């Protein structure tokens, strides 16, 4: 499907310190609520997707920004321990982005988010040729560019199409995961990106709003018509729908006990790209990505449930 196999992934996106609290089913000011779990985790679309890729055996380099604080230290250390190249994660005088995630007994979330250094990140396009690499040892290691939720990066947002155009000009294949647009601009900013996007990842709600209210399959056809080469709609507990060259594929989800859906979409994307790196077809990549997302939601936090590529395929074989 892509012009060439994914050897490694260059990712841009946000890094977020997550504090997850569960279960929180009722809120009452002036009282104390006892909870079962309170955990600090790695979060953010760029960080979670990169972590998933590394955990699944894909060379990955993340470009982003954190604060010069303990939260930033924790995130970088966790990414490096998984194998992510963090040499291009910068430090800022602004604090590391942080989210308090309240999770109820059904796995639904309420986020309290401080953007912090995300407000400054990726304010200028990068030199993609530097990351593809010159001739010689390691050349072409990063052959695919993934843009993780430009909506979370206000200074990058108006430059997103230029990032993707430059990646294509450098010979890379590309993917984009939209994320939620709190500004409500939707196709105003995403539209110019689509002609430079080989793989577009959207969830069902995003697809509906991007297409003017269409259901998932019709929304995918609309987005394909706007220039995206392949559209993958994440359907949560129903799996996913893929549209490529006018042909649609529905891949059902795995049945699991969903404890927390935080970061499941990012893990799905990491799983999909990892499957392509390992030579799988689009249909098999969809099934593998569904498995990665299923493992993610069984644990509290975006990436705590992830397993290696082999462990994930073994888990799938037993289903």
C-alpha atoms as a PDB file:
ATOM      1  CA  UNK A   1       0.000   0.000   0.000  1.00  0.00           C
ATOM      2  CA  UNK A   2       2.811   2.416   0.864  1.00  0.00           C
ATOM      3  CA  UNK A   3       5.439   3.301  -1.730  1.00  0.00           C
ATOM      4  CA  UNK A   4       8.037   1.373   0.277  1.00  0.00           C
ATOM      5  CA  UNK A   5       8.093  -0.625   3.530  1.00  0.00           C
ATOM      6  CA  UNK A   6       8.365   1.247   6.815  1.00  0.00           C
ATOM      7  CA  UNK A   7      11.931   0.852   8.076  1.00  0.00           C
ATOM      8  CA  UNK A   8      11.571   3.322  10.926  1.00  0.00           C
ATOM      9  CA  UNK A   9       9.193   6.088  12.016  1.00  0.00           C
ATOM     10  CA  UNK A  10       9.886   9.752  12.669  1.00  0.00           C
ATOM     11  CA  UNK A  11       7.107  11.084  14.900  1.00  0.00           C
ATOM     12  CA  UNK A  12       6.151  14.623  15.906  1.00  0.00           C
ATOM     13  CA  UNK A  13       3.657  15.184  18.690  1.00  0.00           C
ATOM     14  CA  UNK A  14       3.006  16.125  22.281  1.00  0.00           C
ATOM     15  CA  UNK A  15       4.368  14.503  25.434  1.00  0.00           C
ATOM     16  CA  UNK A  16       2.146  14.600  28.522  1.00  0.00           C
ATOM     17  CA  UNK A  17       2.526  13.532  32.129  1.00  0.00           C
ATOM     18  CA  UNK A  18      -0.689  11.697  33.054  1.00  0.00           C
ATOM     19  CA  UNK A  19      -2.011  11.275  36.576  1.00  0.00           C
ATOM     20  CA  UNK A  20      -4.837   8.729  36.425  1.00  0.00           C
ATOM     21  CA  UNK A  21      -7.421   8.296  39.159  1.00  0.00           C
ATOM     22  CA  UNK A  22      -9.955   5.435  39.222  1.00  0.00           C
ATOM     23  CA  UNK A  23     -12.830   4.940  39.838  1.00  0.00           C
ATOM     24  CA  UNK A  24     -14.434   8.369  40.048  1.00  0.00           C
ATOM     25  CA  UNK A  25     -18.180   7.989  39.453  1.00  0.00           C
ATOM     26  CA  UNK A  26     -19.396  11.066  41.349  1.00  0.00           C
ATOM     27  CA  UNK A  27     -17.943  14.500  42.099  1.00  0.00           C
ATOM     28  CA  UNK A  28     -18.949  16.470  45.195  1.00  0.00           C
ATOM     29  CA  UNK A  29     -17.043  19.550  46.331  1.00  0.00           C
ATOM     30  CA  UNK A  30     -16.060  19.696  49.996  1.00  0.00           C
ATOM     31  CA  UNK A  31     -15.929  15.900  50.393  1.00  0.00           C
ATOM     32  CA  UNK A  32     -13.318  13.154  50.198  1.00  0.00           C
ATOM     33  CA  UNK A  33     -13.648  10.354  47.631  1.00  0.00           C
ATOM     34  CA  UNK A  34     -11.731   7.131  48.206  1.00  0.00           C
ATOM     35  CA  UNK A  35     -10.364   5.544  45.029  1.00  0.00           C
ATOM     36  CA  UNK A  36      -8.731   2.228  44.164  1.00  0.00           C
ATOM     37  CA  UNK A  37      -5.974   3.400  41.841  1.00  0.00           C
ATOM     38  CA  UNK A  38      -3.876   6.533  41.416  1.00  0.00           C
ATOM     39  CA  UNK A  39      -1.004   6.171  38.978  1.00  0.00           C
ATOM     40  CA  UNK A  40       1.469   8.351  37.098  1.00  0.00           C
ATOM     41  CA  UNK A  41       1.854   7.377  33.453  1.00  0.00           C
ATOM     42  CA  UNK A  42       3.305   8.490  30.150  1.00  0.00           C
ATOM     43  CA  UNK A  43       0.719  10.190  27.949  1.00  0.00           C
ATOM     44  CA  UNK A  44       0.311  12.495  24.976  1.00  0.00           C
ATOM     45  CA  UNK A  45      -0.333  11.467  21.395  1.00  0.00           C
ATOM     46  CA  UNK A  46       3.271  11.717  20.222  1.00  0.00           C
ATOM     47  CA  UNK A  47       4.716   9.997  23.273  1.00  0.00           C
ATOM     48  CA  UNK A  48       2.145   7.187  23.446  1.00  0.00           C
ATOM     49  CA  UNK A  49       2.363   6.364  19.737  1.00  0.00           C
ATOM     50  CA  UNK A  50       6.164   6.411  19.818  1.00  0.00           C
ATOM     51  CA  UNK A  51       6.255   4.222  22.920  1.00  0.00           C
ATOM     52  CA  UNK A  52       3.906   1.713  21.269  1.00  0.00           C
ATOM     53  CA  UNK A  53       6.050   1.597  18.127  1.00  0.00           C
ATOM     54  CA  UNK A  54       9.237   0.985  20.098  1.00  0.00           C
ATOM     55  CA  UNK A  55       7.562  -1.648  22.270  1.00  0.00           C
ATOM     56  CA  UNK A  56       6.494  -3.411  19.057  1.00  0.00           C
ATOM     57  CA  UNK A  57       9.999  -3.494  17.604  1.00  0.00           C
ATOM     58  CA  UNK A  58       9.980  -0.463  15.288  1.00  0.00           C
ATOM     59  CA  UNK A  59      12.872   2.053  15.248  1.00  0.00           C
ATOM     60  CA  UNK A  60      11.269   5.377  16.196  1.00  0.00           C
ATOM     61  CA  UNK A  61      12.474   8.926  16.817  1.00  0.00           C
ATOM     62  CA  UNK A  62      10.231  11.454  18.575  1.00  0.00           C
ATOM     63  CA  UNK A  63      10.435  15.223  18.094  1.00  0.00           C
ATOM     64  CA  UNK A  64       8.616  17.255  20.729  1.00  0.00           C
ATOM     65  CA  UNK A  65       9.028  19.474  23.780  1.00  0.00           C
ATOM     66  CA  UNK A  66       8.815  19.036  27.545  1.00  0.00           C
ATOM     67  CA  UNK A  67       9.615  21.280  30.482  1.00  0.00           C
ATOM     68  CA  UNK A  68      12.926  21.367  32.319  1.00  0.00           C
ATOM     69  CA  UNK A  69      11.283  19.693  35.305  1.00  0.00           C
ATOM     70  CA  UNK A  70      10.844  16.329  36.975  1.00  0.00           C
ATOM     71  CA  UNK A  71       7.802  15.426  34.909  1.00  0.00           C
ATOM     72  CA  UNK A  72       9.841  15.950  31.737  1.00  0.00           C
ATOM     73  CA  UNK A  73      12.647  13.805  33.156  1.00  0.00           C
ATOM     74  CA  UNK A  74      10.193  11.013  33.908  1.00  0.00           C
ATOM     75  CA  UNK A  75       8.675  11.031  30.411  1.00  0.00           C
ATOM     76  CA  UNK A  76      12.022  11.049  28.618  1.00  0.00           C
ATOM     77  CA  UNK A  77      13.363   8.252  30.823  1.00  0.00           C
ATOM     78  CA  UNK A  78      10.311   6.066  30.185  1.00  0.00           C
ATOM     79  CA  UNK A  79      10.527   6.606  26.417  1.00  0.00           C
ATOM     80  CA  UNK A  80      14.254   5.845  26.340  1.00  0.00           C
ATOM     81  CA  UNK A  81      13.723   2.680  28.391  1.00  0.00           C
ATOM     82  CA  UNK A  82      11.311   1.471  25.706  1.00  0.00           C
ATOM     83  CA  UNK A  83      13.826   2.218  22.953  1.00  0.00           C
ATOM     84  CA  UNK A  84      12.526   5.549  21.604  1.00  0.00           C
ATOM     85  CA  UNK A  85      15.184   7.925  20.227  1.00  0.00           C
ATOM     86  CA  UNK A  86      14.571  11.087  22.303  1.00  0.00           C
ATOM     87  CA  UNK A  87      17.589  13.066  21.102  1.00  0.00           C
ATOM     88  CA  UNK A  88      15.248  15.600  19.488  1.00  0.00           C
ATOM     89  CA  UNK A  89      12.918  16.080  22.469  1.00  0.00           C
ATOM     90  CA  UNK A  90      13.660  19.636  23.567  1.00  0.00           C
ATOM     91  CA  UNK A  91      13.339  21.354  26.931  1.00  0.00           C
ATOM     92  CA  UNK A  92      11.343  24.490  27.648  1.00  0.00           C
ATOM     93  CA  UNK A  93      11.028  27.051  30.424  1.00  0.00           C
ATOM     94  CA  UNK A  94       7.313  26.290  30.331  1.00  0.00           C
ATOM     95  CA  UNK A  95       6.197  23.283  32.415  1.00  0.00           C
ATOM     96  CA  UNK A  96       5.770  19.809  31.010  1.00  0.00           C
ATOM     97  CA  UNK A  97       2.208  19.257  29.723  1.00  0.00           C
ATOM     98  CA  UNK A  98       0.164  17.385  32.316  1.00  0.00           C
ATOM     99  CA  UNK A  99      -3.277  15.804  32.557  1.00  0.00           C
ATOM    100  CA  UNK A 100      -5.298  14.587  35.505  1.00  0.00           C
ATOM    101  CA  UNK A 101      -7.519  11.837  34.085  1.00  0.00           C
ATOM    102  CA  UNK A 102     -10.562  10.853  36.119  1.00  0.00           C
ATOM    103  CA  UNK A 103     -11.757   7.408  35.037  1.00  0.00           C
ATOM    104  CA  UNK A 104     -15.166   6.041  36.034  1.00  0.00           C
ATOM    105  CA  UNK A 105     -16.222   2.430  36.530  1.00  0.00           C
ATOM    106  CA  UNK A 106     -17.200   2.131  32.845  1.00  0.00           C
ATOM    107  CA  UNK A 107     -13.757   3.200  31.628  1.00  0.00           C
ATOM    108  CA  UNK A 108     -14.969   6.639  30.526  1.00  0.00           C
ATOM    109  CA  UNK A 109     -12.638   9.577  31.100  1.00  0.00           C
ATOM    110  CA  UNK A 110     -12.722  13.228  32.134  1.00  0.00           C
ATOM    111  CA  UNK A 111      -9.481  15.123  31.492  1.00  0.00           C
ATOM    112  CA  UNK A 112      -8.105  18.171  33.300  1.00  0.00           C
ATOM    113  CA  UNK A 113      -5.253  19.320  31.037  1.00  0.00           C
ATOM    114  CA  UNK A 114      -2.427  21.861  31.368  1.00  0.00           C
ATOM    115  CA  UNK A 115      -0.870  22.424  27.891  1.00  0.00           C
ATOM    116  CA  UNK A 116       2.427  23.793  29.225  1.00  0.00           C
ATOM    117  CA  UNK A 117       5.270  23.514  26.714  1.00  0.00           C
ATOM    118  CA  UNK A 118       2.940  22.133  24.025  1.00  0.00           C
ATOM    119  CA  UNK A 119       2.089  25.787  23.397  1.00  0.00           C
ATOM    120  CA  UNK A 120       5.624  26.350  22.085  1.00  0.00           C
ATOM    121  CA  UNK A 121       6.444  23.058  20.389  1.00  0.00           C
ATOM    122  CA  UNK A 122       7.293  22.625  16.692  1.00  0.00           C
ATOM    123  CA  UNK A 123       6.838  26.265  15.749  1.00  0.00           C
ATOM    124  CA  UNK A 124       8.900  25.818  12.566  1.00  0.00           C
ATOM    125  CA  UNK A 125       9.080  23.025   9.950  1.00  0.00           C
ATOM    126  CA  UNK A 126      11.928  20.569  10.418  1.00  0.00           C
ATOM    127  CA  UNK A 127      14.609  19.394   7.973  1.00  0.00           C
ATOM    128  CA  UNK A 128      13.380  15.912   7.093  1.00  0.00           C
ATOM    129  CA  UNK A 129      16.511  15.115   5.075  1.00  0.00           C
ATOM    130  CA  UNK A 130      18.430  15.125   8.354  1.00  0.00           C
ATOM    131  CA  UNK A 131      16.276  12.296   9.670  1.00  0.00           C
ATOM    132  CA  UNK A 132      16.119  10.196   6.515  1.00  0.00           C
ATOM    133  CA  UNK A 133      19.917  10.207   6.671  1.00  0.00           C
ATOM    134  CA  UNK A 134      22.752  10.621   4.150  1.00  0.00           C
ATOM    135  CA  UNK A 135      24.174   7.684   2.156  1.00  0.00           C
ATOM    136  CA  UNK A 136      26.059   5.219   4.314  1.00  0.00           C
ATOM    137  CA  UNK A 137      25.429   3.351   7.519  1.00  0.00           C
ATOM    138  CA  UNK A 138      21.894   3.829   8.811  1.00  0.00           C
ATOM    139  CA  UNK A 139      20.703   5.627   5.685  1.00  0.00           C
ATOM    140  CA  UNK A 140      16.941   5.547   5.219  1.00  0.00           C
ATOM    141  CA  UNK A 141      16.321   4.256   8.740  1.00  0.00           C
ATOM    142  CA  UNK A 142      13.420   6.660   9.228  1.00  0.00           C
ATOM    143  CA  UNK A 143      11.392   6.235   6.061  1.00  0.00           C
ATOM    144  CA  UNK A 144       7.957   7.114   7.448  1.00  0.00           C
ATOM    145  CA  UNK A 145       6.714  10.333   9.067  1.00  0.00           C
ATOM    146  CA  UNK A 146       3.827  10.269  11.553  1.00  0.00           C
ATOM    147  CA  UNK A 147       2.126  13.464  12.713  1.00  0.00           C
ATOM    148  CA  UNK A 148       0.333  12.800  15.999  1.00  0.00           C
ATOM    149  CA  UNK A 149      -2.517  15.248  16.702  1.00  0.00           C
ATOM    150  CA  UNK A 150      -1.425  18.652  15.461  1.00  0.00           C
ATOM    151  CA  UNK A 151      -4.549  20.062  17.152  1.00  0.00           C
ATOM    152  CA  UNK A 152      -2.718  19.693  20.483  1.00  0.00           C
ATOM    153  CA  UNK A 153       0.185  21.843  19.207  1.00  0.00           C
ATOM    154  CA  UNK A 154      -1.113  25.366  18.520  1.00  0.00           C
ATOM    155  CA  UNK A 155       2.064  26.734  16.900  1.00  0.00           C
ATOM    156  CA  UNK A 156       2.469  23.695  14.647  1.00  0.00           C
ATOM    157  CA  UNK A 157      -1.168  23.613  13.639  1.00  0.00           C
ATOM    158  CA  UNK A 158      -1.010  26.176  10.778  1.00  0.00           C
ATOM    159  CA  UNK A 159       2.167  24.484   9.494  1.00  0.00           C
ATOM    160  CA  UNK A 160       0.910  20.891   9.509  1.00  0.00           C
ATOM    161  CA  UNK A 161       0.463  20.652   5.739  1.00  0.00           C
ATOM    162  CA  UNK A 162       3.975  22.024   5.226  1.00  0.00           C
ATOM    163  CA  UNK A 163       5.432  19.400   7.576  1.00  0.00           C
ATOM    164  CA  UNK A 164       3.753  16.657   5.567  1.00  0.00           C
ATOM    165  CA  UNK A 165       4.713  18.204   2.210  1.00  0.00           C
ATOM    166  CA  UNK A 166       8.367  18.378   3.262  1.00  0.00           C
ATOM    167  CA  UNK A 167       8.299  14.785   4.472  1.00  0.00           C
ATOM    168  CA  UNK A 168       6.954  13.640   1.105  1.00  0.00           C
ATOM    169  CA  UNK A 169       9.570  15.742  -0.700  1.00  0.00           C
ATOM    170  CA  UNK A 170      12.263  13.967   1.347  1.00  0.00           C
ATOM    171  CA  UNK A 171      10.978  10.619   0.056  1.00  0.00           C
ATOM    172  CA  UNK A 172       9.083   9.566   3.190  1.00  0.00           C
ATOM    173  CA  UNK A 173       5.654   8.017   3.412  1.00  0.00           C
ATOM    174  CA  UNK A 174       3.301   9.774   5.803  1.00  0.00           C
ATOM    175  CA  UNK A 175       0.489   9.294   8.288  1.00  0.00           C
ATOM    176  CA  UNK A 176      -1.611  11.661  10.371  1.00  0.00           C
ATOM    177  CA  UNK A 177      -3.769  11.025  13.435  1.00  0.00           C
ATOM    178  CA  UNK A 178      -6.173  13.938  13.724  1.00  0.00           C
ATOM    179  CA  UNK A 179      -7.049  14.204  17.405  1.00  0.00           C
ATOM    180  CA  UNK A 180      -9.905  16.253  18.810  1.00  0.00           C
ATOM    181  CA  UNK A 181     -10.193  19.815  17.489  1.00  0.00           C
ATOM    182  CA  UNK A 182     -11.226  21.976  20.438  1.00  0.00           C
ATOM    183  CA  UNK A 183     -11.210  25.032  18.137  1.00  0.00           C
ATOM    184  CA  UNK A 184     -13.813  23.478  15.851  1.00  0.00           C
ATOM    185  CA  UNK A 185     -11.909  24.317  12.662  1.00  0.00           C
ATOM    186  CA  UNK A 186     -11.770  20.692  11.462  1.00  0.00           C
ATOM    187  CA  UNK A 187     -11.420  20.643   7.648  1.00  0.00           C
ATOM    188  CA  UNK A 188     -10.158  24.225   7.555  1.00  0.00           C
ATOM    189  CA  UNK A 189      -6.833  23.018   8.928  1.00  0.00           C
ATOM    190  CA  UNK A 190      -6.922  19.311   8.060  1.00  0.00           C
ATOM    191  CA  UNK A 191      -8.002  19.735   4.446  1.00  0.00           C
ATOM    192  CA  UNK A 192      -4.662  21.126   3.180  1.00  0.00           C
ATOM    193  CA  UNK A 193      -2.874  18.154   4.829  1.00  0.00           C
ATOM    194  CA  UNK A 194      -4.776  15.401   3.042  1.00  0.00           C
ATOM    195  CA  UNK A 195      -3.047  15.478  -0.384  1.00  0.00           C
ATOM    196  CA  UNK A 196       0.229  14.758   1.458  1.00  0.00           C
ATOM    197  CA  UNK A 197      -1.201  12.022   3.708  1.00  0.00           C
ATOM    198  CA  UNK A 198      -0.767   8.336   2.847  1.00  0.00           C
ATOM    199  CA  UNK A 199      -2.573   7.077   5.956  1.00  0.00           C
ATOM    200  CA  UNK A 200      -5.215   9.125   7.747  1.00  0.00           C
ATOM    201  CA  UNK A 201      -6.335   7.920  11.186  1.00  0.00           C
ATOM    202  CA  UNK A 202      -9.564   9.348  12.642  1.00  0.00           C
ATOM    203  CA  UNK A 203     -11.981   8.157  15.265  1.00  0.00           C
ATOM    204  CA  UNK A 204     -15.701   7.927  14.586  1.00  0.00           C
ATOM    205  CA  UNK A 205     -16.619  11.277  16.152  1.00  0.00           C
ATOM    206  CA  UNK A 206     -13.791  13.072  14.351  1.00  0.00           C
ATOM    207  CA  UNK A 207     -14.801  11.494  11.031  1.00  0.00           C
ATOM    208  CA  UNK A 208     -18.377  12.702  11.514  1.00  0.00           C
ATOM    209  CA  UNK A 209     -17.359  16.284  12.286  1.00  0.00           C
ATOM    210  CA  UNK A 210     -14.778  16.404   9.497  1.00  0.00           C
ATOM    211  CA  UNK A 211     -17.333  15.237   6.938  1.00  0.00           C
ATOM    212  CA  UNK A 212     -20.285  17.374   7.968  1.00  0.00           C
ATOM    213  CA  UNK A 213     -22.144  14.652   9.852  1.00  0.00           C
ATOM    214  CA  UNK A 214     -21.620  11.521   7.750  1.00  0.00           C
ATOM    215  CA  UNK A 215     -21.462   8.017   9.249  1.00  0.00           C
ATOM    216  CA  UNK A 216     -18.075   6.297   9.420  1.00  0.00           C
ATOM    217  CA  UNK A 217     -17.943   4.599   6.020  1.00  0.00           C
ATOM    218  CA  UNK A 218     -19.324   7.552   4.091  1.00  0.00           C
ATOM    219  CA  UNK A 219     -17.076   9.913   6.045  1.00  0.00           C
ATOM    220  CA  UNK A 220     -14.084   7.811   5.016  1.00  0.00           C
ATOM    221  CA  UNK A 221     -15.137   8.108   1.361  1.00  0.00           C
ATOM    222  CA  UNK A 222     -15.471  11.867   1.765  1.00  0.00           C
ATOM    223  CA  UNK A 223     -11.971  12.141   3.281  1.00  0.00           C
ATOM    224  CA  UNK A 224     -10.527   9.928   0.544  1.00  0.00           C
ATOM    225  CA  UNK A 225     -12.105  12.285  -1.975  1.00  0.00           C
ATOM    226  CA  UNK A 226     -10.322  15.189  -0.290  1.00  0.00           C
ATOM    227  CA  UNK A 227      -6.924  13.606  -1.001  1.00  0.00           C
ATOM    228  CA  UNK A 228      -6.112  11.043   1.710  1.00  0.00           C
ATOM    229  CA  UNK A 229      -4.686   7.898   0.078  1.00  0.00           C
ATOM    230  CA  UNK A 230      -5.991   5.534   2.773  1.00  0.00           C
ATOM    231  CA  UNK A 231      -8.461   6.314   5.566  1.00  0.00           C
ATOM    232  CA  UNK A 232      -8.639   4.311   8.794  1.00  0.00           C
ATOM    233  CA  UNK A 233     -11.631   5.034  11.039  1.00  0.00           C
ATOM    234  CA  UNK A 234     -11.258   3.856  14.633  1.00  0.00           C
ATOM    235  CA  UNK A 235     -14.600   2.537  15.903  1.00  0.00           C
ATOM    236  CA  UNK A 236     -13.723   1.796  19.530  1.00  0.00           C
ATOM    237  CA  UNK A 237     -15.407  -1.389  20.730  1.00  0.00           C
ATOM    238  CA  UNK A 238     -16.519  -2.201  17.166  1.00  0.00           C
ATOM    239  CA  UNK A 239     -12.999  -2.325  15.717  1.00  0.00           C
ATOM    240  CA  UNK A 240     -12.089  -0.229  12.676  1.00  0.00           C
ATOM    241  CA  UNK A 241     -12.974   0.500   9.063  1.00  0.00           C
ATOM    242  CA  UNK A 242     -10.344   0.921   6.325  1.00  0.00           C
ATOM    243  CA  UNK A 243     -10.920   2.532   2.951  1.00  0.00           C
ATOM    244  CA  UNK A 244      -8.221   2.182   0.284  1.00  0.00           C
ATOM    245  CA  UNK A 245      -8.739   2.886  -3.413  1.00  0.00           C
ATOM    246  CA  UNK A 246     -12.493   2.779  -2.936  1.00  0.00           C
ATOM    247  CA  UNK A 247     -12.512  -0.652  -1.276  1.00  0.00           C
ATOM    248  CA  UNK A 248     -13.660  -0.903   2.330  1.00  0.00           C
ATOM    249  CA  UNK A 249     -12.631  -3.408   4.992  1.00  0.00           C
ATOM    250  CA  UNK A 250     -14.261  -3.750   8.411  1.00  0.00           C
ATOM    251  CA  UNK A 251     -12.113  -5.398  11.092  1.00  0.00           C
ATOM    252  CA  UNK A 252     -13.969  -6.320  14.308  1.00  0.00           C
ATOM    253  CA  UNK A 253     -12.575  -5.575  17.743  1.00  0.00           C
ATOM    254  CA  UNK A 254     -11.370  -8.155  20.263  1.00  0.00           C
ATOM    255  CA  UNK A 255     -13.658  -8.683  23.231  1.00  0.00           C
ATOM    256  CA  UNK A 256     -11.919  -7.605  26.450  1.00  0.00           C
ATOM    257  CA  UNK A 257     -12.798  -6.050  29.791  1.00  0.00           C
ATOM    258  CA  UNK A 258     -12.141  -2.337  29.191  1.00  0.00           C
ATOM    259  CA  UNK A 259     -10.737  -0.764  32.339  1.00  0.00           C
ATOM    260  CA  UNK A 260      -9.494   2.527  30.840  1.00  0.00           C
ATOM    261  CA  UNK A 261      -9.631   3.736  27.228  1.00  0.00           C
ATOM    262  CA  UNK A 262      -7.025   6.479  27.705  1.00  0.00           C
ATOM    263  CA  UNK A 263      -4.508   6.363  24.841  1.00  0.00           C
ATOM    264  CA  UNK A 264      -6.131   3.409  23.080  1.00  0.00           C
ATOM    265  CA  UNK A 265      -6.312   5.316  19.807  1.00  0.00           C
ATOM    266  CA  UNK A 266      -2.607   6.177  19.941  1.00  0.00           C
ATOM    267  CA  UNK A 267      -1.738   2.557  20.676  1.00  0.00           C
ATOM    268  CA  UNK A 268      -3.954   1.480  17.769  1.00  0.00           C
ATOM    269  CA  UNK A 269      -1.983   3.749  15.430  1.00  0.00           C
ATOM    270  CA  UNK A 270       1.327   2.451  16.776  1.00  0.00           C
ATOM    271  CA  UNK A 271       0.096  -1.099  16.247  1.00  0.00           C
ATOM    272  CA  UNK A 272      -1.056  -0.400  12.697  1.00  0.00           C
ATOM    273  CA  UNK A 273       2.254   1.174  11.655  1.00  0.00           C
ATOM    274  CA  UNK A 274       4.206  -1.581  13.433  1.00  0.00           C
ATOM    275  CA  UNK A 275       2.287  -4.249  11.515  1.00  0.00           C
ATOM    276  CA  UNK A 276       3.180  -2.543   8.224  1.00  0.00           C
ATOM    277  CA  UNK A 277       6.818  -2.400   9.369  1.00  0.00           C
ATOM    278  CA  UNK A 278       6.666  -6.164   9.955  1.00  0.00           C
ATOM    279  CA  UNK A 279       5.306  -6.758   6.436  1.00  0.00           C
ATOM    280  CA  UNK A 280       1.619  -7.327   7.159  1.00  0.00           C
ATOM    281  CA  UNK A 281      -1.206  -6.473   4.738  1.00  0.00           C
ATOM    282  CA  UNK A 282      -3.708  -3.697   5.423  1.00  0.00           C
ATOM    283  CA  UNK A 283      -6.301  -6.208   6.610  1.00  0.00           C
ATOM    284  CA  UNK A 284      -3.829  -7.940   8.933  1.00  0.00           C
ATOM    285  CA  UNK A 285      -2.522  -4.574  10.145  1.00  0.00           C
ATOM    286  CA  UNK A 286      -6.064  -3.609  11.123  1.00  0.00           C
ATOM    287  CA  UNK A 287      -6.521  -6.807  13.137  1.00  0.00           C
ATOM    288  CA  UNK A 288      -3.134  -6.377  14.813  1.00  0.00           C
ATOM    289  CA  UNK A 289      -3.915  -2.734  15.658  1.00  0.00           C
ATOM    290  CA  UNK A 290      -7.230  -3.824  17.192  1.00  0.00           C
ATOM    291  CA  UNK A 291      -5.293  -6.282  19.364  1.00  0.00           C
ATOM    292  CA  UNK A 292      -2.840  -3.620  20.536  1.00  0.00           C
ATOM    293  CA  UNK A 293      -5.721  -1.296  21.428  1.00  0.00           C
ATOM    294  CA  UNK A 294      -7.521  -4.122  23.256  1.00  0.00           C
ATOM    295  CA  UNK A 295      -4.456  -4.834  25.383  1.00  0.00           C
ATOM    296  CA  UNK A 296      -4.142  -1.119  26.115  1.00  0.00           C
ATOM    297  CA  UNK A 297      -7.650  -0.745  27.540  1.00  0.00           C
ATOM    298  CA  UNK A 298      -7.219  -3.684  29.924  1.00  0.00           C
ATOM    299  CA  UNK A 299      -4.840  -1.610  32.066  1.00  0.00           C
ATOM    300  CA  UNK A 300      -4.983   1.842  33.634  1.00  0.00           C
ATOM    301  CA  UNK A 301      -3.013   4.343  31.539  1.00  0.00           C
ATOM    302  CA  UNK A 302      -2.204   4.727  27.859  1.00  0.00           C
ATOM    303  CA  UNK A 303       0.681   2.268  27.510  1.00  0.00           C
ATOM    304  CA  UNK A 304       0.749   0.065  30.617  1.00  0.00           C
ATOM    305  CA  UNK A 305      -0.955  -2.863  28.845  1.00  0.00           C
ATOM    306  CA  UNK A 306       1.296  -2.981  25.787  1.00  0.00           C
ATOM    307  CA  UNK A 307       3.299  -6.123  24.958  1.00  0.00           C
ATOM    308  CA  UNK A 308       6.038  -6.947  22.468  1.00  0.00           C
ATOM    309  CA  UNK A 309       5.224  -7.791  18.853  1.00  0.00           C
ATOM    310  CA  UNK A 310       5.656 -11.526  19.485  1.00  0.00           C
ATOM    311  CA  UNK A 311       3.681 -11.451  22.719  1.00  0.00           C
ATOM    312  CA  UNK A 312       0.863  -9.611  20.947  1.00  0.00           C
ATOM    313  CA  UNK A 313       0.690 -12.098  18.062  1.00  0.00           C
ATOM    314  CA  UNK A 314       0.704 -14.959  20.579  1.00  0.00           C
ATOM    315  CA  UNK A 315      -2.183 -13.301  22.445  1.00  0.00           C
ATOM    316  CA  UNK A 316      -4.096 -12.973  19.151  1.00  0.00           C
ATOM    317  CA  UNK A 317      -3.538 -16.637  18.342  1.00  0.00           C
ATOM    318  CA  UNK A 318      -5.262 -17.590  21.570  1.00  0.00           C
ATOM    319  CA  UNK A 319      -8.400 -15.556  20.919  1.00  0.00           C
END
